[in-house]
Amino acid sequence: MFSMKVNVLKLTEELNTASIPIWGVSSDGRIDFQETATPAQKAQAAQILAAHDPTKPTAQEQALKDAQTALKALNAKKVSALSAADFQTLFKLWLVERGWVAADGTIQVP
């Protein structure tokens, strides 16, 4: 187990992306490994934790922030005046709000 303050969602995403078998993490940085985690995976998790920046948003949080910023630019625009890029922005926001965009930007519909 390792301990420090973390962004739980972001650290979980980072560990899952690295295919490290965990049950979860806590806000103090404790990592609960599954029994199948190898010593090498635990060492890799320690490196990920050491490099972890809890102030940076997750990919999904950043995508949502970006989409909301773009949405504000559409405020008061007539629907008939929307461009294909505007519709893409609206669709991306809709996907992100539902949690259907993975860390790598792919659509992951449950």
N, C-alpha and C. Protein backbone atom coordinates (compact mmCIF):
# COMPACT_ATOMS: atom_id res chain seq x y z
N MET A 1 0.84 -1.19 0.00
CA MET A 1 0.00 0.00 0.00
C MET A 1 0.88 1.25 0.00
N PHE A 2 0.40 2.28 -0.72
CA PHE A 2 1.11 3.55 -0.81
C PHE A 2 0.14 4.64 -0.39
N SER A 3 0.64 5.77 0.14
CA SER A 3 -0.27 6.76 0.67
C SER A 3 0.13 8.18 0.31
N MET A 4 -0.84 8.98 -0.18
CA MET A 4 -0.73 10.41 -0.44
C MET A 4 -2.09 10.90 -0.90
N LYS A 5 -2.30 12.22 -1.00
CA LYS A 5 -3.59 12.75 -1.47
C LYS A 5 -3.70 12.58 -2.98
N VAL A 6 -4.86 12.13 -3.45
CA VAL A 6 -5.03 11.85 -4.87
C VAL A 6 -6.41 12.28 -5.37
N ASN A 7 -6.53 12.34 -6.69
CA ASN A 7 -7.81 12.46 -7.37
C ASN A 7 -8.20 11.00 -7.64
N VAL A 8 -9.16 10.49 -6.88
CA VAL A 8 -9.51 9.07 -6.93
C VAL A 8 -9.89 8.63 -8.34
N LEU A 9 -10.74 9.41 -9.01
CA LEU A 9 -11.16 9.03 -10.37
C LEU A 9 -9.98 8.99 -11.32
N LYS A 10 -9.12 9.99 -11.23
CA LYS A 10 -7.98 10.07 -12.15
C LYS A 10 -6.99 8.94 -11.88
N LEU A 11 -6.65 8.69 -10.61
CA LEU A 11 -5.70 7.62 -10.30
C LEU A 11 -6.26 6.26 -10.71
N THR A 12 -7.54 6.04 -10.46
CA THR A 12 -8.16 4.79 -10.88
C THR A 12 -8.05 4.63 -12.40
N GLU A 13 -8.33 5.71 -13.13
CA GLU A 13 -8.22 5.69 -14.59
C GLU A 13 -6.79 5.38 -15.02
N GLU A 14 -5.81 6.00 -14.37
CA GLU A 14 -4.41 5.78 -14.72
C GLU A 14 -3.99 4.34 -14.47
N LEU A 15 -4.41 3.77 -13.35
CA LEU A 15 -4.06 2.39 -13.04
C LEU A 15 -4.77 1.40 -13.96
N ASN A 16 -6.04 1.67 -14.26
CA ASN A 16 -6.78 0.80 -15.18
C ASN A 16 -6.18 0.85 -16.58
N THR A 17 -5.76 2.04 -17.01
CA THR A 17 -5.13 2.18 -18.33
C THR A 17 -3.86 1.35 -18.41
N ALA A 18 -3.15 1.23 -17.28
CA ALA A 18 -1.93 0.43 -17.23
C ALA A 18 -2.21 -1.06 -16.99
N SER A 19 -3.49 -1.42 -16.95
CA SER A 19 -3.92 -2.82 -16.74
C SER A 19 -3.42 -3.40 -15.42
N ILE A 20 -3.39 -2.57 -14.40
CA ILE A 20 -2.99 -3.04 -13.08
C ILE A 20 -4.25 -3.49 -12.34
N PRO A 21 -4.29 -4.74 -11.89
CA PRO A 21 -5.50 -5.26 -11.24
C PRO A 21 -5.68 -4.69 -9.83
N ILE A 22 -6.65 -3.81 -9.69
CA ILE A 22 -6.93 -3.18 -8.40
C ILE A 22 -8.40 -3.36 -8.06
N TRP A 23 -8.68 -3.29 -6.77
CA TRP A 23 -10.07 -3.23 -6.32
C TRP A 23 -10.51 -1.78 -6.29
N GLY A 24 -9.56 -0.89 -5.98
CA GLY A 24 -9.88 0.53 -5.93
C GLY A 24 -8.77 1.31 -5.26
N VAL A 25 -8.99 2.62 -5.16
CA VAL A 25 -8.05 3.50 -4.48
C VAL A 25 -8.85 4.41 -3.55
N SER A 26 -8.18 4.96 -2.56
CA SER A 26 -8.85 5.88 -1.65
C SER A 26 -8.21 7.26 -1.78
N SER A 27 -8.88 8.26 -1.23
CA SER A 27 -8.43 9.64 -1.38
C SER A 27 -7.09 9.91 -0.71
N ASP A 28 -6.66 9.05 0.19
CA ASP A 28 -5.35 9.23 0.81
C ASP A 28 -4.25 8.55 0.00
N GLY A 29 -4.62 7.96 -1.14
CA GLY A 29 -3.64 7.33 -2.02
C GLY A 29 -3.45 5.84 -1.81
N ARG A 30 -4.21 5.26 -0.90
CA ARG A 30 -4.09 3.82 -0.69
C ARG A 30 -4.60 3.09 -1.93
N ILE A 31 -3.83 2.14 -2.39
CA ILE A 31 -4.21 1.33 -3.55
C ILE A 31 -4.50 -0.08 -3.04
N ASP A 32 -5.70 -0.55 -3.28
CA ASP A 32 -6.07 -1.90 -2.90
C ASP A 32 -5.95 -2.79 -4.14
N PHE A 33 -4.93 -3.63 -4.13
CA PHE A 33 -4.66 -4.50 -5.27
C PHE A 33 -5.47 -5.78 -5.20
N GLN A 34 -5.81 -6.30 -6.37
CA GLN A 34 -6.41 -7.62 -6.43
C GLN A 34 -5.30 -8.63 -6.13
N GLU A 35 -5.69 -9.82 -5.75
CA GLU A 35 -4.72 -10.87 -5.41
C GLU A 35 -3.81 -11.22 -6.58
N THR A 36 -4.28 -10.98 -7.79
CA THR A 36 -3.52 -11.34 -8.99
C THR A 36 -2.43 -10.32 -9.34
N ALA A 37 -2.37 -9.19 -8.63
CA ALA A 37 -1.35 -8.17 -8.93
C ALA A 37 0.03 -8.72 -8.61
N THR A 38 0.92 -8.58 -9.56
CA THR A 38 2.29 -9.06 -9.40
C THR A 38 3.15 -7.99 -8.72
N PRO A 39 4.30 -8.38 -8.20
CA PRO A 39 5.20 -7.37 -7.64
C PRO A 39 5.59 -6.30 -8.67
N ALA A 40 5.75 -6.70 -9.92
CA ALA A 40 6.09 -5.72 -10.97
C ALA A 40 4.94 -4.74 -11.18
N GLN A 41 3.71 -5.23 -11.14
CA GLN A 41 2.55 -4.34 -11.30
C GLN A 41 2.42 -3.40 -10.10
N LYS A 42 2.72 -3.90 -8.91
CA LYS A 42 2.68 -3.05 -7.72
C LYS A 42 3.76 -1.97 -7.80
N ALA A 43 4.93 -2.33 -8.32
CA ALA A 43 6.00 -1.35 -8.50
C ALA A 43 5.59 -0.31 -9.55
N GLN A 44 4.96 -0.76 -10.61
CA GLN A 44 4.47 0.16 -11.65
C GLN A 44 3.41 1.09 -11.05
N ALA A 45 2.55 0.56 -10.20
CA ALA A 45 1.52 1.38 -9.55
C ALA A 45 2.18 2.45 -8.67
N ALA A 46 3.26 2.09 -7.99
CA ALA A 46 3.98 3.06 -7.16
C ALA A 46 4.54 4.19 -8.02
N GLN A 47 5.02 3.85 -9.20
CA GLN A 47 5.54 4.88 -10.13
C GLN A 47 4.40 5.77 -10.62
N ILE A 48 3.27 5.17 -10.94
CA ILE A 48 2.11 5.94 -11.40
C ILE A 48 1.64 6.87 -10.28
N LEU A 49 1.60 6.36 -9.06
CA LEU A 49 1.19 7.17 -7.92
C LEU A 49 2.17 8.33 -7.70
N ALA A 50 3.47 8.06 -7.81
CA ALA A 50 4.48 9.12 -7.62
C ALA A 50 4.35 10.21 -8.67
N ALA A 51 3.96 9.84 -9.89
CA ALA A 51 3.81 10.81 -10.99
C ALA A 51 2.42 11.44 -11.03
N HIS A 52 1.52 10.93 -10.22
CA HIS A 52 0.11 11.37 -10.23
C HIS A 52 0.00 12.84 -9.84
N ASP A 53 -0.73 13.60 -10.65
CA ASP A 53 -1.00 15.01 -10.34
C ASP A 53 -2.50 15.14 -10.09
N PRO A 54 -2.89 15.23 -8.81
CA PRO A 54 -4.32 15.27 -8.49
C PRO A 54 -5.03 16.54 -8.95
N THR A 55 -4.26 17.56 -9.34
CA THR A 55 -4.89 18.81 -9.76
C THR A 55 -5.30 18.79 -11.22
N LYS A 56 -4.74 17.88 -12.00
CA LYS A 56 -5.12 17.79 -13.42
C LYS A 56 -6.41 16.99 -13.55
N PRO A 57 -7.31 17.44 -14.40
CA PRO A 57 -8.57 16.69 -14.57
C PRO A 57 -8.35 15.39 -15.34
N THR A 58 -9.29 14.46 -15.16
CA THR A 58 -9.26 13.24 -15.96
C THR A 58 -9.56 13.61 -17.41
N ALA A 59 -9.32 12.71 -18.32
CA ALA A 59 -9.63 12.97 -19.73
C ALA A 59 -11.11 13.28 -19.89
N GLN A 60 -11.95 12.57 -19.16
CA GLN A 60 -13.40 12.80 -19.27
C GLN A 60 -13.78 14.15 -18.67
N GLU A 61 -13.18 14.51 -17.53
CA GLU A 61 -13.46 15.82 -16.93
C GLU A 61 -13.03 16.95 -17.86
N GLN A 62 -11.86 16.79 -18.51
CA GLN A 62 -11.38 17.82 -19.43
C GLN A 62 -12.27 17.89 -20.67
N ALA A 63 -12.69 16.74 -21.17
CA ALA A 63 -13.58 16.72 -22.34
C ALA A 63 -14.90 17.42 -22.01
N LEU A 64 -15.42 17.18 -20.81
CA LEU A 64 -16.66 17.83 -20.41
C LEU A 64 -16.46 19.34 -20.29
N LYS A 65 -15.37 19.76 -19.69
CA LYS A 65 -15.07 21.19 -19.56
C LYS A 65 -14.94 21.84 -20.93
N ASP A 66 -14.22 21.18 -21.84
CA ASP A 66 -14.05 21.71 -23.20
C ASP A 66 -15.38 21.81 -23.93
N ALA A 67 -16.20 20.77 -23.79
CA ALA A 67 -17.50 20.76 -24.47
C ALA A 67 -18.42 21.84 -23.91
N GLN A 68 -18.38 22.04 -22.59
CA GLN A 68 -19.21 23.07 -21.98
C GLN A 68 -18.77 24.47 -22.43
N THR A 69 -17.47 24.67 -22.56
CA THR A 69 -16.95 25.95 -23.05
C THR A 69 -17.42 26.19 -24.47
N ALA A 70 -17.34 25.16 -25.30
CA ALA A 70 -17.79 25.28 -26.69
C ALA A 70 -19.30 25.52 -26.75
N LEU A 71 -20.02 24.88 -25.84
CA LEU A 71 -21.47 25.05 -25.80
C LEU A 71 -21.85 26.49 -25.49
N LYS A 72 -21.11 27.11 -24.58
CA LYS A 72 -21.38 28.51 -24.24
C LYS A 72 -21.25 29.42 -25.46
N ALA A 73 -20.34 29.05 -26.37
CA ALA A 73 -20.16 29.84 -27.59
C ALA A 73 -21.39 29.75 -28.50
N LEU A 74 -22.19 28.70 -28.33
CA LEU A 74 -23.40 28.53 -29.14
C LEU A 74 -24.61 29.25 -28.56
N ASN A 75 -24.47 29.78 -27.36
CA ASN A 75 -25.58 30.44 -26.69
C ASN A 75 -26.17 31.54 -27.58
N ALA A 76 -27.47 31.54 -27.71
CA ALA A 76 -28.25 32.52 -28.48
C ALA A 76 -28.13 32.34 -29.99
N LYS A 77 -27.47 31.30 -30.44
CA LYS A 77 -27.37 31.03 -31.87
C LYS A 77 -28.63 30.29 -32.32
N LYS A 78 -29.17 30.65 -33.46
CA LYS A 78 -30.37 29.96 -33.96
C LYS A 78 -30.01 28.55 -34.40
N VAL A 79 -30.91 27.63 -34.13
CA VAL A 79 -30.68 26.24 -34.52
C VAL A 79 -30.45 26.14 -36.02
N SER A 80 -31.16 26.91 -36.79
CA SER A 80 -31.01 26.86 -38.24
C SER A 80 -29.64 27.36 -38.69
N ALA A 81 -28.93 28.06 -37.82
CA ALA A 81 -27.62 28.59 -38.17
C ALA A 81 -26.47 27.70 -37.68
N LEU A 82 -26.80 26.57 -37.03
CA LEU A 82 -25.75 25.69 -36.52
C LEU A 82 -25.01 24.99 -37.65
N SER A 83 -23.71 24.90 -37.50
CA SER A 83 -22.87 24.23 -38.50
C SER A 83 -22.69 22.76 -38.10
N ALA A 84 -22.05 22.00 -38.98
CA ALA A 84 -21.75 20.60 -38.67
C ALA A 84 -20.83 20.52 -37.44
N ALA A 85 -19.89 21.45 -37.31
CA ALA A 85 -19.00 21.48 -36.15
C ALA A 85 -19.78 21.76 -34.87
N ASP A 86 -20.80 22.63 -34.96
CA ASP A 86 -21.64 22.92 -33.80
C ASP A 86 -22.38 21.66 -33.35
N PHE A 87 -22.92 20.91 -34.31
CA PHE A 87 -23.63 19.67 -33.97
C PHE A 87 -22.66 18.65 -33.39
N GLN A 88 -21.44 18.62 -33.88
CA GLN A 88 -20.43 17.70 -33.34
C GLN A 88 -20.14 18.06 -31.88
N THR A 89 -20.05 19.34 -31.58
CA THR A 89 -19.83 19.80 -30.21
C THR A 89 -20.98 19.37 -29.31
N LEU A 90 -22.21 19.57 -29.78
CA LEU A 90 -23.37 19.19 -28.99
C LEU A 90 -23.42 17.68 -28.75
N PHE A 91 -23.09 16.91 -29.76
CA PHE A 91 -23.11 15.45 -29.64
C PHE A 91 -22.02 14.99 -28.67
N LYS A 92 -20.83 15.59 -28.77
CA LYS A 92 -19.74 15.23 -27.87
C LYS A 92 -20.13 15.53 -26.42
N LEU A 93 -20.74 16.68 -26.18
CA LEU A 93 -21.18 17.02 -24.84
C LEU A 93 -22.19 15.99 -24.33
N TRP A 94 -23.12 15.61 -25.17
CA TRP A 94 -24.14 14.62 -24.81
C TRP A 94 -23.48 13.30 -24.42
N LEU A 95 -22.48 12.85 -25.18
CA LEU A 95 -21.77 11.59 -24.88
C LEU A 95 -20.98 11.70 -23.58
N VAL A 96 -20.26 12.81 -23.42
CA VAL A 96 -19.42 12.99 -22.24
C VAL A 96 -20.26 13.05 -20.97
N GLU A 97 -21.37 13.77 -21.03
CA GLU A 97 -22.23 13.88 -19.85
C GLU A 97 -22.77 12.53 -19.40
N ARG A 98 -22.90 11.60 -20.29
CA ARG A 98 -23.39 10.26 -19.96
C ARG A 98 -22.26 9.32 -19.56
N GLY A 99 -21.01 9.81 -19.63
CA GLY A 99 -19.87 8.96 -19.28
C GLY A 99 -19.53 7.95 -20.34
N TRP A 100 -19.89 8.25 -21.58
CA TRP A 100 -19.69 7.30 -22.68
C TRP A 100 -18.45 7.58 -23.51
N VAL A 101 -17.55 8.42 -23.01
CA VAL A 101 -16.30 8.69 -23.71
C VAL A 101 -15.18 8.20 -22.80
N ALA A 102 -14.37 7.25 -23.30
CA ALA A 102 -13.27 6.67 -22.51
C ALA A 102 -12.10 7.63 -22.46
N ALA A 103 -11.13 7.30 -21.63
CA ALA A 103 -9.93 8.13 -21.46
C ALA A 103 -9.20 8.35 -22.77
N ASP A 104 -9.25 7.37 -23.65
CA ASP A 104 -8.54 7.51 -24.93
C ASP A 104 -9.39 8.21 -26.00
N GLY A 105 -10.58 8.69 -25.62
CA GLY A 105 -11.42 9.43 -26.55
C GLY A 105 -12.38 8.59 -27.36
N THR A 106 -12.36 7.27 -27.16
CA THR A 106 -13.27 6.40 -27.90
C THR A 106 -14.64 6.38 -27.22
N ILE A 107 -15.66 6.12 -28.00
CA ILE A 107 -17.03 6.04 -27.48
C ILE A 107 -17.21 4.65 -26.88
N GLN A 108 -17.69 4.60 -25.63
CA GLN A 108 -17.90 3.35 -24.91
C GLN A 108 -19.32 3.34 -24.36
N VAL A 109 -20.27 2.96 -25.20
CA VAL A 109 -21.68 2.92 -24.78
C VAL A 109 -21.92 1.62 -24.01
N PRO A 110 -22.52 1.72 -22.82
CA PRO A 110 -22.76 0.49 -22.02
C PRO A 110 -23.81 -0.40 -22.66
